Amino acid sequence: ASRHECGFCGKAFGSESARQIHLRSHTGERPYKCNVCGNRFTTRGNLKVHFHRHREKYPHRPFRCKICGRCFSTRGNLRAHLGGHRGGPPNSCPLCQKKFTNALNLQHH
């Protein structure tokens, strides 16, 4: 079996992905960012554990974005947020192009 060795400390790993994760302990790289608070993590698993703490802390935000994980208190806020993932706001006036945070505000306009 091929050994994947750390160039910094010589520690060997069973896979290249394990070595890559270990390298972050030397480089300080934290590629996984929490979309709620901005904290960064070395592994996706650590981010996931951290994110569940937000959900426990904010049970009044039951609407979760399946794309980035942010939580919202209303379905409308989640829908407005999802527009950003589609490349633009979902609630814009077809006549004047003015953008609104939700469909109700657009209707009032």
PDB file of N, CA and C in Angstrom:
ATOM      1  N   ALA A   1       0.841  -1.190   0.000  1.00  0.00           N
ATOM      2  CA  ALA A   1       0.000   0.000   0.000  1.00  0.00           C
ATOM      3  C   ALA A   1       0.877   1.240   0.000  1.00  0.00           C
ATOM      4  N   SER A   2       0.505   2.200  -0.782  1.00  0.00           N
ATOM      5  CA  SER A   2       1.248   3.451  -0.885  1.00  0.00           C
ATOM      6  C   SER A   2       1.026   4.300   0.364  1.00  0.00           C
ATOM      7  N   ARG A   3       2.123   4.880   0.854  1.00  0.00           N
ATOM      8  CA  ARG A   3       2.016   5.742   2.031  1.00  0.00           C
ATOM      9  C   ARG A   3       1.993   7.197   1.569  1.00  0.00           C
ATOM     10  N   HIS A   4       1.103   7.927   2.151  1.00  0.00           N
ATOM     11  CA  HIS A   4       0.973   9.347   1.816  1.00  0.00           C
ATOM     12  C   HIS A   4       1.570  10.128   2.977  1.00  0.00           C
ATOM     13  N   GLU A   5       2.751  10.681   2.739  1.00  0.00           N
ATOM     14  CA  GLU A   5       3.527  11.292   3.814  1.00  0.00           C
ATOM     15  C   GLU A   5       3.414  12.814   3.803  1.00  0.00           C
ATOM     16  N   CYS A   6       3.347  13.386   5.005  1.00  0.00           N
ATOM     17  CA  CYS A   6       3.312  14.839   5.169  1.00  0.00           C
ATOM     18  C   CYS A   6       4.711  15.400   4.937  1.00  0.00           C
ATOM     19  N   GLY A   7       4.818  16.384   4.062  1.00  0.00           N
ATOM     20  CA  GLY A   7       6.100  17.013   3.777  1.00  0.00           C
ATOM     21  C   GLY A   7       6.607  17.901   4.900  1.00  0.00           C
ATOM     22  N   PHE A   8       5.742  18.251   5.848  1.00  0.00           N
ATOM     23  CA  PHE A   8       6.136  19.102   6.967  1.00  0.00           C
ATOM     24  C   PHE A   8       6.697  18.294   8.130  1.00  0.00           C
ATOM     25  N   CYS A   9       5.977  17.227   8.513  1.00  0.00           N
ATOM     26  CA  CYS A   9       6.364  16.503   9.733  1.00  0.00           C
ATOM     27  C   CYS A   9       6.679  15.027   9.500  1.00  0.00           C
ATOM     28  N   GLY A  10       6.446  14.520   8.294  1.00  0.00           N
ATOM     29  CA  GLY A  10       6.769  13.135   7.985  1.00  0.00           C
ATOM     30  C   GLY A  10       5.715  12.114   8.368  1.00  0.00           C
ATOM     31  N   LYS A  11       4.623  12.549   8.968  1.00  0.00           N
ATOM     32  CA  LYS A  11       3.566  11.616   9.358  1.00  0.00           C
ATOM     33  C   LYS A  11       2.953  10.988   8.105  1.00  0.00           C
ATOM     34  N   ALA A  12       2.683   9.672   8.162  1.00  0.00           N
ATOM     35  CA  ALA A  12       2.142   8.947   7.010  1.00  0.00           C
ATOM     36  C   ALA A  12       0.641   8.707   7.177  1.00  0.00           C
ATOM     37  N   PHE A  13      -0.056   8.727   6.045  1.00  0.00           N
ATOM     38  CA  PHE A  13      -1.505   8.543   6.040  1.00  0.00           C
ATOM     39  C   PHE A  13      -1.893   7.472   5.042  1.00  0.00           C
ATOM     40  N   GLY A  14      -3.040   6.855   5.266  1.00  0.00           N
ATOM     41  CA  GLY A  14      -3.517   5.777   4.409  1.00  0.00           C
ATOM     42  C   GLY A  14      -4.102   6.253   3.097  1.00  0.00           C
ATOM     43  N   SER A  15      -4.417   7.538   3.005  1.00  0.00           N
ATOM     44  CA  SER A  15      -4.989   8.069   1.761  1.00  0.00           C
ATOM     45  C   SER A  15      -4.513   9.502   1.545  1.00  0.00           C
ATOM     46  N   GLU A  16      -4.564   9.914   0.301  1.00  0.00           N
ATOM     47  CA  GLU A  16      -4.170  11.282  -0.041  1.00  0.00           C
ATOM     48  C   GLU A  16      -5.123  12.299   0.578  1.00  0.00           C
ATOM     49  N   SER A  17      -6.412  11.968   0.635  1.00  0.00           N
ATOM     50  CA  SER A  17      -7.371  12.918   1.214  1.00  0.00           C
ATOM     51  C   SER A  17      -7.104  13.123   2.703  1.00  0.00           C
ATOM     52  N   ALA A  18      -6.724  12.068   3.413  1.00  0.00           N
ATOM     53  CA  ALA A  18      -6.388  12.205   4.836  1.00  0.00           C
ATOM     54  C   ALA A  18      -5.145  13.077   5.003  1.00  0.00           C
ATOM     55  N   ARG A  19      -4.172  12.907   4.102  1.00  0.00           N
ATOM     56  CA  ARG A  19      -2.962  13.737   4.163  1.00  0.00           C
ATOM     57  C   ARG A  19      -3.312  15.201   3.898  1.00  0.00           C
ATOM     58  N   GLN A  20      -4.200  15.449   2.929  1.00  0.00           N
ATOM     59  CA  GLN A  20      -4.599  16.820   2.606  1.00  0.00           C
ATOM     60  C   GLN A  20      -5.260  17.501   3.807  1.00  0.00           C
ATOM     61  N   ILE A  21      -6.125  16.780   4.501  1.00  0.00           N
ATOM     62  CA  ILE A  21      -6.773  17.335   5.696  1.00  0.00           C
ATOM     63  C   ILE A  21      -5.723  17.642   6.757  1.00  0.00           C
ATOM     64  N   HIS A  22      -4.776  16.717   6.949  1.00  0.00           N
ATOM     65  CA  HIS A  22      -3.709  16.924   7.930  1.00  0.00           C
ATOM     66  C   HIS A  22      -2.866  18.156   7.577  1.00  0.00           C
ATOM     67  N   LEU A  23      -2.576  18.348   6.297  1.00  0.00           N
ATOM     68  CA  LEU A  23      -1.748  19.487   5.878  1.00  0.00           C
ATOM     69  C   LEU A  23      -2.327  20.817   6.346  1.00  0.00           C
ATOM     70  N   ARG A  24      -3.651  20.876   6.464  1.00  0.00           N
ATOM     71  CA  ARG A  24      -4.285  22.120   6.919  1.00  0.00           C
ATOM     72  C   ARG A  24      -3.867  22.484   8.336  1.00  0.00           C
ATOM     73  N   SER A  25      -3.448  21.500   9.131  1.00  0.00           N
ATOM     74  CA  SER A  25      -2.976  21.807  10.488  1.00  0.00           C
ATOM     75  C   SER A  25      -1.654  22.571  10.432  1.00  0.00           C
ATOM     76  N   HIS A  26      -0.910  22.414   9.349  1.00  0.00           N
ATOM     77  CA  HIS A  26       0.351  23.142   9.178  1.00  0.00           C
ATOM     78  C   HIS A  26       0.142  24.475   8.461  1.00  0.00           C
ATOM     79  N   THR A  27      -0.752  24.492   7.486  1.00  0.00           N
ATOM     80  CA  THR A  27      -0.924  25.695   6.658  1.00  0.00           C
ATOM     81  C   THR A  27      -1.931  26.687   7.230  1.00  0.00           C
ATOM     82  N   GLY A  28      -2.813  26.197   8.116  1.00  0.00           N
ATOM     83  CA  GLY A  28      -3.849  27.066   8.667  1.00  0.00           C
ATOM     84  C   GLY A  28      -5.045  27.239   7.746  1.00  0.00           C
ATOM     85  N   GLU A  29      -5.058  26.525   6.621  1.00  0.00           N
ATOM     86  CA  GLU A  29      -6.176  26.631   5.680  1.00  0.00           C
ATOM     87  C   GLU A  29      -7.460  26.115   6.322  1.00  0.00           C
ATOM     88  N   ARG A  30      -8.531  26.887   6.154  1.00  0.00           N
ATOM     89  CA  ARG A  30      -9.858  26.511   6.660  1.00  0.00           C
ATOM     90  C   ARG A  30     -10.864  26.798   5.550  1.00  0.00           C
ATOM     91  N   PRO A  31     -11.023  25.863   4.617  1.00  0.00           N
ATOM     92  CA  PRO A  31     -11.825  26.141   3.422  1.00  0.00           C
ATOM     93  C   PRO A  31     -13.340  26.080   3.598  1.00  0.00           C
ATOM     94  N   TYR A  32     -13.823  25.575   4.725  1.00  0.00           N
ATOM     95  CA  TYR A  32     -15.271  25.412   4.911  1.00  0.00           C
ATOM     96  C   TYR A  32     -15.804  26.511   5.817  1.00  0.00           C
ATOM     97  N   LYS A  33     -16.661  27.383   5.252  1.00  0.00           N
ATOM     98  CA  LYS A  33     -17.155  28.560   5.969  1.00  0.00           C
ATOM     99  C   LYS A  33     -18.612  28.386   6.376  1.00  0.00           C
ATOM    100  N   CYS A  34     -18.926  28.742   7.621  1.00  0.00           N
ATOM    101  CA  CYS A  34     -20.304  28.724   8.107  1.00  0.00           C
ATOM    102  C   CYS A  34     -21.034  29.928   7.516  1.00  0.00           C
ATOM    103  N   ASN A  35     -22.142  29.675   6.831  1.00  0.00           N
ATOM    104  CA  ASN A  35     -22.912  30.757   6.215  1.00  0.00           C
ATOM    105  C   ASN A  35     -23.732  31.557   7.215  1.00  0.00           C
ATOM    106  N   VAL A  36     -23.802  31.082   8.455  1.00  0.00           N
ATOM    107  CA  VAL A  36     -24.555  31.795   9.480  1.00  0.00           C
ATOM    108  C   VAL A  36     -23.667  32.807  10.190  1.00  0.00           C
ATOM    109  N   CYS A  37     -22.498  32.365  10.669  1.00  0.00           N
ATOM    110  CA  CYS A  37     -21.659  33.243  11.493  1.00  0.00           C
ATOM    111  C   CYS A  37     -20.297  33.564  10.877  1.00  0.00           C
ATOM    112  N   GLY A  38     -19.924  32.882   9.809  1.00  0.00           N
ATOM    113  CA  GLY A  38     -18.650  33.175   9.160  1.00  0.00           C
ATOM    114  C   GLY A  38     -17.457  32.396   9.684  1.00  0.00           C
ATOM    115  N   ASN A  39     -17.622  31.614  10.741  1.00  0.00           N
ATOM    116  CA  ASN A  39     -16.505  30.800  11.232  1.00  0.00           C
ATOM    117  C   ASN A  39     -16.058  29.836  10.146  1.00  0.00           C
ATOM    118  N   ARG A  40     -14.764  29.516  10.148  1.00  0.00           N
ATOM    119  CA  ARG A  40     -14.207  28.635   9.117  1.00  0.00           C
ATOM    120  C   ARG A  40     -13.669  27.366   9.761  1.00  0.00           C
ATOM    121  N   PHE A  41     -13.672  26.264   8.969  1.00  0.00           N
ATOM    122  CA  PHE A  41     -13.288  24.956   9.482  1.00  0.00           C
ATOM    123  C   PHE A  41     -12.408  24.213   8.492  1.00  0.00           C
ATOM    124  N   THR A  42     -11.606  23.284   9.030  1.00  0.00           N
ATOM    125  CA  THR A  42     -10.684  22.519   8.193  1.00  0.00           C
ATOM    126  C   THR A  42     -11.370  21.380   7.455  1.00  0.00           C
ATOM    127  N   THR A  43     -12.487  20.879   7.994  1.00  0.00           N
ATOM    128  CA  THR A  43     -13.191  19.769   7.337  1.00  0.00           C
ATOM    129  C   THR A  43     -14.683  20.058   7.234  1.00  0.00           C
ATOM    130  N   ARG A  44     -15.317  19.431   6.259  1.00  0.00           N
ATOM    131  CA  ARG A  44     -16.766  19.568   6.078  1.00  0.00           C
ATOM    132  C   ARG A  44     -17.497  19.009   7.298  1.00  0.00           C
ATOM    133  N   GLY A  45     -16.959  17.923   7.867  1.00  0.00           N
ATOM    134  CA  GLY A  45     -17.576  17.316   9.048  1.00  0.00           C
ATOM    135  C   GLY A  45     -17.597  18.261  10.236  1.00  0.00           C
ATOM    136  N   ASN A  46     -16.494  18.980  10.460  1.00  0.00           N
ATOM    137  CA  ASN A  46     -16.445  19.945  11.566  1.00  0.00           C
ATOM    138  C   ASN A  46     -17.447  21.073  11.345  1.00  0.00           C
ATOM    139  N   LEU A  47     -17.586  21.517  10.100  1.00  0.00           N
ATOM    140  CA  LEU A  47     -18.575  22.553   9.788  1.00  0.00           C
ATOM    141  C   LEU A  47     -19.980  22.040  10.068  1.00  0.00           C
ATOM    142  N   LYS A  48     -20.252  20.803   9.693  1.00  0.00           N
ATOM    143  CA  LYS A  48     -21.589  20.228   9.890  1.00  0.00           C
ATOM    144  C   LYS A  48     -21.945  20.161  11.378  1.00  0.00           C
ATOM    145  N   VAL A  49     -20.997  19.710  12.207  1.00  0.00           N
ATOM    146  CA  VAL A  49     -21.223  19.654  13.660  1.00  0.00           C
ATOM    147  C   VAL A  49     -21.502  21.057  14.187  1.00  0.00           C
ATOM    148  N   HIS A  50     -20.679  22.018  13.769  1.00  0.00           N
ATOM    149  CA  HIS A  50     -20.850  23.410  14.186  1.00  0.00           C
ATOM    150  C   HIS A  50     -22.222  23.935  13.770  1.00  0.00           C
ATOM    151  N   PHE A  51     -22.616  23.658  12.532  1.00  0.00           N
ATOM    152  CA  PHE A  51     -23.876  24.189  12.023  1.00  0.00           C
ATOM    153  C   PHE A  51     -25.066  23.662  12.813  1.00  0.00           C
ATOM    154  N   HIS A  52     -25.009  22.415  13.244  1.00  0.00           N
ATOM    155  CA  HIS A  52     -26.115  21.860  14.039  1.00  0.00           C
ATOM    156  C   HIS A  52     -26.284  22.622  15.348  1.00  0.00           C
ATOM    157  N   ARG A  53     -25.214  23.199  15.850  1.00  0.00           N
ATOM    158  CA  ARG A  53     -25.328  24.019  17.067  1.00  0.00           C
ATOM    159  C   ARG A  53     -26.152  25.271  16.795  1.00  0.00           C
ATOM    160  N   HIS A  54     -26.013  25.837  15.608  1.00  0.00           N
ATOM    161  CA  HIS A  54     -26.849  26.990  15.246  1.00  0.00           C
ATOM    162  C   HIS A  54     -28.316  26.582  15.235  1.00  0.00           C
ATOM    163  N   ARG A  55     -28.605  25.421  14.675  1.00  0.00           N
ATOM    164  CA  ARG A  55     -30.001  24.970  14.593  1.00  0.00           C
ATOM    165  C   ARG A  55     -30.583  24.745  15.980  1.00  0.00           C
ATOM    166  N   GLU A  56     -29.752  24.234  16.906  1.00  0.00           N
ATOM    167  CA  GLU A  56     -30.219  24.041  18.283  1.00  0.00           C
ATOM    168  C   GLU A  56     -30.436  25.387  18.968  1.00  0.00           C
ATOM    169  N   LYS A  57     -29.592  26.347  18.633  1.00  0.00           N
ATOM    170  CA  LYS A  57     -29.636  27.671  19.249  1.00  0.00           C
ATOM    171  C   LYS A  57     -30.807  28.500  18.719  1.00  0.00           C
ATOM    172  N   TYR A  58     -31.206  28.255  17.466  1.00  0.00           N
ATOM    173  CA  TYR A  58     -32.257  29.045  16.831  1.00  0.00           C
ATOM    174  C   TYR A  58     -33.402  28.157  16.345  1.00  0.00           C
ATOM    175  N   PRO A  59     -34.129  27.510  17.269  1.00  0.00           N
ATOM    176  CA  PRO A  59     -35.221  26.630  16.833  1.00  0.00           C
ATOM    177  C   PRO A  59     -36.378  27.398  16.196  1.00  0.00           C
ATOM    178  N   HIS A  60     -36.406  28.730  16.406  1.00  0.00           N
ATOM    179  CA  HIS A  60     -37.468  29.554  15.828  1.00  0.00           C
ATOM    180  C   HIS A  60     -37.205  29.862  14.353  1.00  0.00           C
ATOM    181  N   ARG A  61     -36.165  29.268  13.780  1.00  0.00           N
ATOM    182  CA  ARG A  61     -35.863  29.441  12.357  1.00  0.00           C
ATOM    183  C   ARG A  61     -35.928  28.074  11.665  1.00  0.00           C
ATOM    184  N   PRO A  62     -37.147  27.566  11.463  1.00  0.00           N
ATOM    185  CA  PRO A  62     -37.286  26.194  10.962  1.00  0.00           C
ATOM    186  C   PRO A  62     -37.080  26.019   9.456  1.00  0.00           C
ATOM    187  N   PHE A  63     -36.982  27.125   8.700  1.00  0.00           N
ATOM    188  CA  PHE A  63     -36.885  27.007   7.243  1.00  0.00           C
ATOM    189  C   PHE A  63     -35.424  27.082   6.821  1.00  0.00           C
ATOM    190  N   ARG A  64     -34.892  25.945   6.387  1.00  0.00           N
ATOM    191  CA  ARG A  64     -33.461  25.815   6.096  1.00  0.00           C
ATOM    192  C   ARG A  64     -33.223  25.755   4.594  1.00  0.00           C
ATOM    193  N   CYS A  65     -32.248  26.530   4.129  1.00  0.00           N
ATOM    194  CA  CYS A  65     -31.850  26.502   2.729  1.00  0.00           C
ATOM    195  C   CYS A  65     -31.067  25.218   2.469  1.00  0.00           C
ATOM    196  N   LYS A  66     -31.510  24.429   1.502  1.00  0.00           N
ATOM    197  CA  LYS A  66     -30.837  23.166   1.194  1.00  0.00           C
ATOM    198  C   LYS A  66     -29.546  23.379   0.420  1.00  0.00           C
ATOM    199  N   ILE A  67     -29.323  24.585  -0.061  1.00  0.00           N
ATOM    200  CA  ILE A  67     -28.112  24.872  -0.831  1.00  0.00           C
ATOM    201  C   ILE A  67     -26.957  25.279   0.083  1.00  0.00           C
ATOM    202  N   CYS A  68     -27.197  26.232   0.990  1.00  0.00           N
ATOM    203  CA  CYS A  68     -26.100  26.737   1.828  1.00  0.00           C
ATOM    204  C   CYS A  68     -26.284  26.485   3.313  1.00  0.00           C
ATOM    205  N   GLY A  69     -27.484  26.057   3.737  1.00  0.00           N
ATOM    206  CA  GLY A  69     -27.692  25.740   5.143  1.00  0.00           C
ATOM    207  C   GLY A  69     -28.222  26.863   6.015  1.00  0.00           C
ATOM    208  N   ARG A  70     -28.320  28.075   5.502  1.00  0.00           N
ATOM    209  CA  ARG A  70     -28.851  29.170   6.328  1.00  0.00           C
ATOM    210  C   ARG A  70     -30.288  28.882   6.712  1.00  0.00           C
ATOM    211  N   CYS A  71     -30.679  29.349   7.907  1.00  0.00           N
ATOM    212  CA  CYS A  71     -32.035  29.109   8.407  1.00  0.00           C
ATOM    213  C   CYS A  71     -32.808  30.422   8.498  1.00  0.00           C
ATOM    214  N   PHE A  72     -34.113  30.329   8.274  1.00  0.00           N
ATOM    215  CA  PHE A  72     -34.971  31.506   8.266  1.00  0.00           C
ATOM    216  C   PHE A  72     -36.225  31.257   9.085  1.00  0.00           C
ATOM    217  N   SER A  73     -36.812  32.343   9.588  1.00  0.00           N
ATOM    218  CA  SER A  73     -37.993  32.216  10.438  1.00  0.00           C
ATOM    219  C   SER A  73     -39.272  32.056   9.625  1.00  0.00           C
ATOM    220  N   THR A  74     -39.252  32.468   8.359  1.00  0.00           N
ATOM    221  CA  THR A  74     -40.453  32.324   7.530  1.00  0.00           C
ATOM    222  C   THR A  74     -40.097  31.709   6.178  1.00  0.00           C
ATOM    223  N   ARG A  75     -41.088  31.070   5.582  1.00  0.00           N
ATOM    224  CA  ARG A  75     -40.907  30.478   4.253  1.00  0.00           C
ATOM    225  C   ARG A  75     -40.629  31.579   3.220  1.00  0.00           C
ATOM    226  N   GLY A  76     -41.261  32.745   3.389  1.00  0.00           N
ATOM    227  CA  GLY A  76     -41.046  33.859   2.468  1.00  0.00           C
ATOM    228  C   GLY A  76     -39.611  34.354   2.482  1.00  0.00           C
ATOM    229  N   ASN A  77     -39.022  34.444   3.675  1.00  0.00           N
ATOM    230  CA  ASN A  77     -37.624  34.869   3.767  1.00  0.00           C
ATOM    231  C   ASN A  77     -36.709  33.853   3.091  1.00  0.00           C
ATOM    232  N   LEU A  78     -37.024  32.572   3.263  1.00  0.00           N
ATOM    233  CA  LEU A  78     -36.233  31.533   2.600  1.00  0.00           C
ATOM    234  C   LEU A  78     -36.358  31.671   1.084  1.00  0.00           C
ATOM    235  N   ARG A  79     -37.580  31.895   0.583  1.00  0.00           N
ATOM    236  CA  ARG A  79     -37.783  32.048  -0.867  1.00  0.00           C
ATOM    237  C   ARG A  79     -36.982  33.233  -1.408  1.00  0.00           C
ATOM    238  N   ALA A  80     -37.019  34.351  -0.679  1.00  0.00           N
ATOM    239  CA  ALA A  80     -36.262  35.532  -1.111  1.00  0.00           C
ATOM    240  C   ALA A  80     -34.770  35.219  -1.144  1.00  0.00           C
ATOM    241  N   HIS A  81     -34.297  34.502  -0.133  1.00  0.00           N
ATOM    242  CA  HIS A  81     -32.892  34.110  -0.064  1.00  0.00           C
ATOM    243  C   HIS A  81     -32.527  33.207  -1.246  1.00  0.00           C
ATOM    244  N   LEU A  82     -33.409  32.271  -1.589  1.00  0.00           N
ATOM    245  CA  LEU A  82     -33.136  31.336  -2.681  1.00  0.00           C
ATOM    246  C   LEU A  82     -32.924  32.053  -4.009  1.00  0.00           C
ATOM    247  N   GLY A  83     -33.534  33.229  -4.157  1.00  0.00           N
ATOM    248  CA  GLY A  83     -33.333  34.005  -5.376  1.00  0.00           C
ATOM    249  C   GLY A  83     -31.871  34.340  -5.604  1.00  0.00           C
ATOM    250  N   GLY A  84     -31.133  34.548  -4.537  1.00  0.00           N
ATOM    251  CA  GLY A  84     -29.707  34.830  -4.655  1.00  0.00           C
ATOM    252  C   GLY A  84     -28.931  33.663  -5.232  1.00  0.00           C
ATOM    253  N   HIS A  85     -29.367  32.456  -4.942  1.00  0.00           N
ATOM    254  CA  HIS A  85     -28.705  31.276  -5.497  1.00  0.00           C
ATOM    255  C   HIS A  85     -29.017  31.112  -6.983  1.00  0.00           C
ATOM    256  N   ARG A  86     -30.152  31.645  -7.417  1.00  0.00           N
ATOM    257  CA  ARG A  86     -30.533  31.532  -8.828  1.00  0.00           C
ATOM    258  C   ARG A  86     -29.888  32.629  -9.676  1.00  0.00           C
ATOM    259  N   GLY A  87     -29.114  33.484  -9.053  1.00  0.00           N
ATOM    260  CA  GLY A  87     -28.422  34.519  -9.801  1.00  0.00           C
ATOM    261  C   GLY A  87     -29.136  35.853  -9.836  1.00  0.00           C
ATOM    262  N   GLY A  88     -30.218  35.995  -9.080  1.00  0.00           N
ATOM    263  CA  GLY A  88     -30.905  37.278  -9.066  1.00  0.00           C
ATOM    264  C   GLY A  88     -32.117  37.224  -8.180  1.00  0.00           C
ATOM    265  N   PRO A  89     -32.644  38.382  -7.824  1.00  0.00           N
ATOM    266  CA  PRO A  89     -33.810  38.404  -6.950  1.00  0.00           C
ATOM    267  C   PRO A  89     -35.044  37.885  -7.676  1.00  0.00           C
ATOM    268  N   PRO A  90     -35.849  37.080  -6.999  1.00  0.00           N
ATOM    269  CA  PRO A  90     -37.021  36.513  -7.647  1.00  0.00           C
ATOM    270  C   PRO A  90     -38.179  37.493  -7.743  1.00  0.00           C
ATOM    271  N   ASN A  91     -38.114  38.595  -7.020  1.00  0.00           N
ATOM    272  CA  ASN A  91     -39.242  39.527  -6.941  1.00  0.00           C
ATOM    273  C   ASN A  91     -38.866  40.883  -7.522  1.00  0.00           C
ATOM    274  N   SER A  92     -38.806  40.967  -8.837  1.00  0.00           N
ATOM    275  CA  SER A  92     -38.522  42.262  -9.449  1.00  0.00           C
ATOM    276  C   SER A  92     -39.679  42.650 -10.369  1.00  0.00           C
ATOM    277  N   CYS A  93     -39.941  43.941 -10.419  1.00  0.00           N
ATOM    278  CA  CYS A  93     -41.047  44.473 -11.209  1.00  0.00           C
ATOM    279  C   CYS A  93     -40.712  44.339 -12.703  1.00  0.00           C
ATOM    280  N   PRO A  94     -41.601  43.734 -13.484  1.00  0.00           N
ATOM    281  CA  PRO A  94     -41.320  43.572 -14.914  1.00  0.00           C
ATOM    282  C   PRO A  94     -41.370  44.892 -15.692  1.00  0.00           C
ATOM    283  N   LEU A  95     -41.973  45.933 -15.085  1.00  0.00           N
ATOM    284  CA  LEU A  95     -42.075  47.223 -15.769  1.00  0.00           C
ATOM    285  C   LEU A  95     -40.879  48.123 -15.507  1.00  0.00           C
ATOM    286  N   CYS A  96     -40.469  48.227 -14.229  1.00  0.00           N
ATOM    287  CA  CYS A  96     -39.392  49.167 -13.895  1.00  0.00           C
ATOM    288  C   CYS A  96     -38.117  48.478 -13.397  1.00  0.00           C
ATOM    289  N   GLN A  97     -38.137  47.162 -13.245  1.00  0.00           N
ATOM    290  CA  GLN A  97     -37.002  46.351 -12.786  1.00  0.00           C
ATOM    291  C   GLN A  97     -36.627  46.575 -11.316  1.00  0.00           C
ATOM    292  N   LYS A  98     -37.439  47.338 -10.582  1.00  0.00           N
ATOM    293  CA  LYS A  98     -37.162  47.531  -9.161  1.00  0.00           C
ATOM    294  C   LYS A  98     -37.247  46.181  -8.456  1.00  0.00           C
ATOM    295  N   LYS A  99     -36.316  45.933  -7.514  1.00  0.00           N
ATOM    296  CA  LYS A  99     -36.234  44.644  -6.839  1.00  0.00           C
ATOM    297  C   LYS A  99     -36.816  44.726  -5.434  1.00  0.00           C
ATOM    298  N   PHE A 100     -37.493  43.659  -5.024  1.00  0.00           N
ATOM    299  CA  PHE A 100     -38.126  43.602  -3.709  1.00  0.00           C
ATOM    300  C   PHE A 100     -37.699  42.340  -2.976  1.00  0.00           C
ATOM    301  N   THR A 101     -37.703  42.425  -1.647  1.00  0.00           N
ATOM    302  CA  THR A 101     -37.252  41.293  -0.840  1.00  0.00           C
ATOM    303  C   THR A 101     -38.260  40.160  -0.798  1.00  0.00           C
ATOM    304  N   ASN A 102     -39.531  40.455  -1.070  1.00  0.00           N
ATOM    305  CA  ASN A 102     -40.524  39.376  -1.085  1.00  0.00           C
ATOM    306  C   ASN A 102     -41.669  39.715  -2.037  1.00  0.00           C
ATOM    307  N   ALA A 103     -42.460  38.690  -2.349  1.00  0.00           N
ATOM    308  CA  ALA A 103     -43.542  38.835  -3.324  1.00  0.00           C
ATOM    309  C   ALA A 103     -44.613  39.810  -2.856  1.00  0.00           C
ATOM    310  N   LEU A 104     -44.868  39.866  -1.552  1.00  0.00           N
ATOM    311  CA  LEU A 104     -45.890  40.769  -1.029  1.00  0.00           C
ATOM    312  C   LEU A 104     -45.516  42.228  -1.296  1.00  0.00           C
ATOM    313  N   ASN A 105     -44.258  42.585  -1.053  1.00  0.00           N
ATOM    314  CA  ASN A 105     -43.810  43.954  -1.325  1.00  0.00           C
ATOM    315  C   ASN A 105     -43.921  44.277  -2.815  1.00  0.00           C
ATOM    316  N   LEU A 106     -43.616  43.298  -3.659  1.00  0.00           N
ATOM    317  CA  LEU A 106     -43.752  43.498  -5.104  1.00  0.00           C
ATOM    318  C   LEU A 106     -45.216  43.735  -5.469  1.00  0.00           C
ATOM    319  N   GLN A 107     -46.132  42.965  -4.887  1.00  0.00           N
ATOM    320  CA  GLN A 107     -47.556  43.135  -5.175  1.00  0.00           C
ATOM    321  C   GLN A 107     -48.042  44.520  -4.758  1.00  0.00           C
ATOM    322  N   HIS A 108     -47.594  45.002  -3.590  1.00  0.00           N
ATOM    323  CA  HIS A 108     -47.989  46.339  -3.125  1.00  0.00           C
ATOM    324  C   HIS A 108     -47.475  47.418  -4.072  1.00  0.00           C
ATOM    325  N   HIS A 109     -46.303  47.208  -4.626  1.00  0.00           N
ATOM    326  CA  HIS A 109     -45.702  48.142  -5.581  1.00  0.00           C
ATOM    327  C   HIS A 109     -46.580  48.228  -6.821  1.00  0.00           C
TER     328      HIS A 109
END
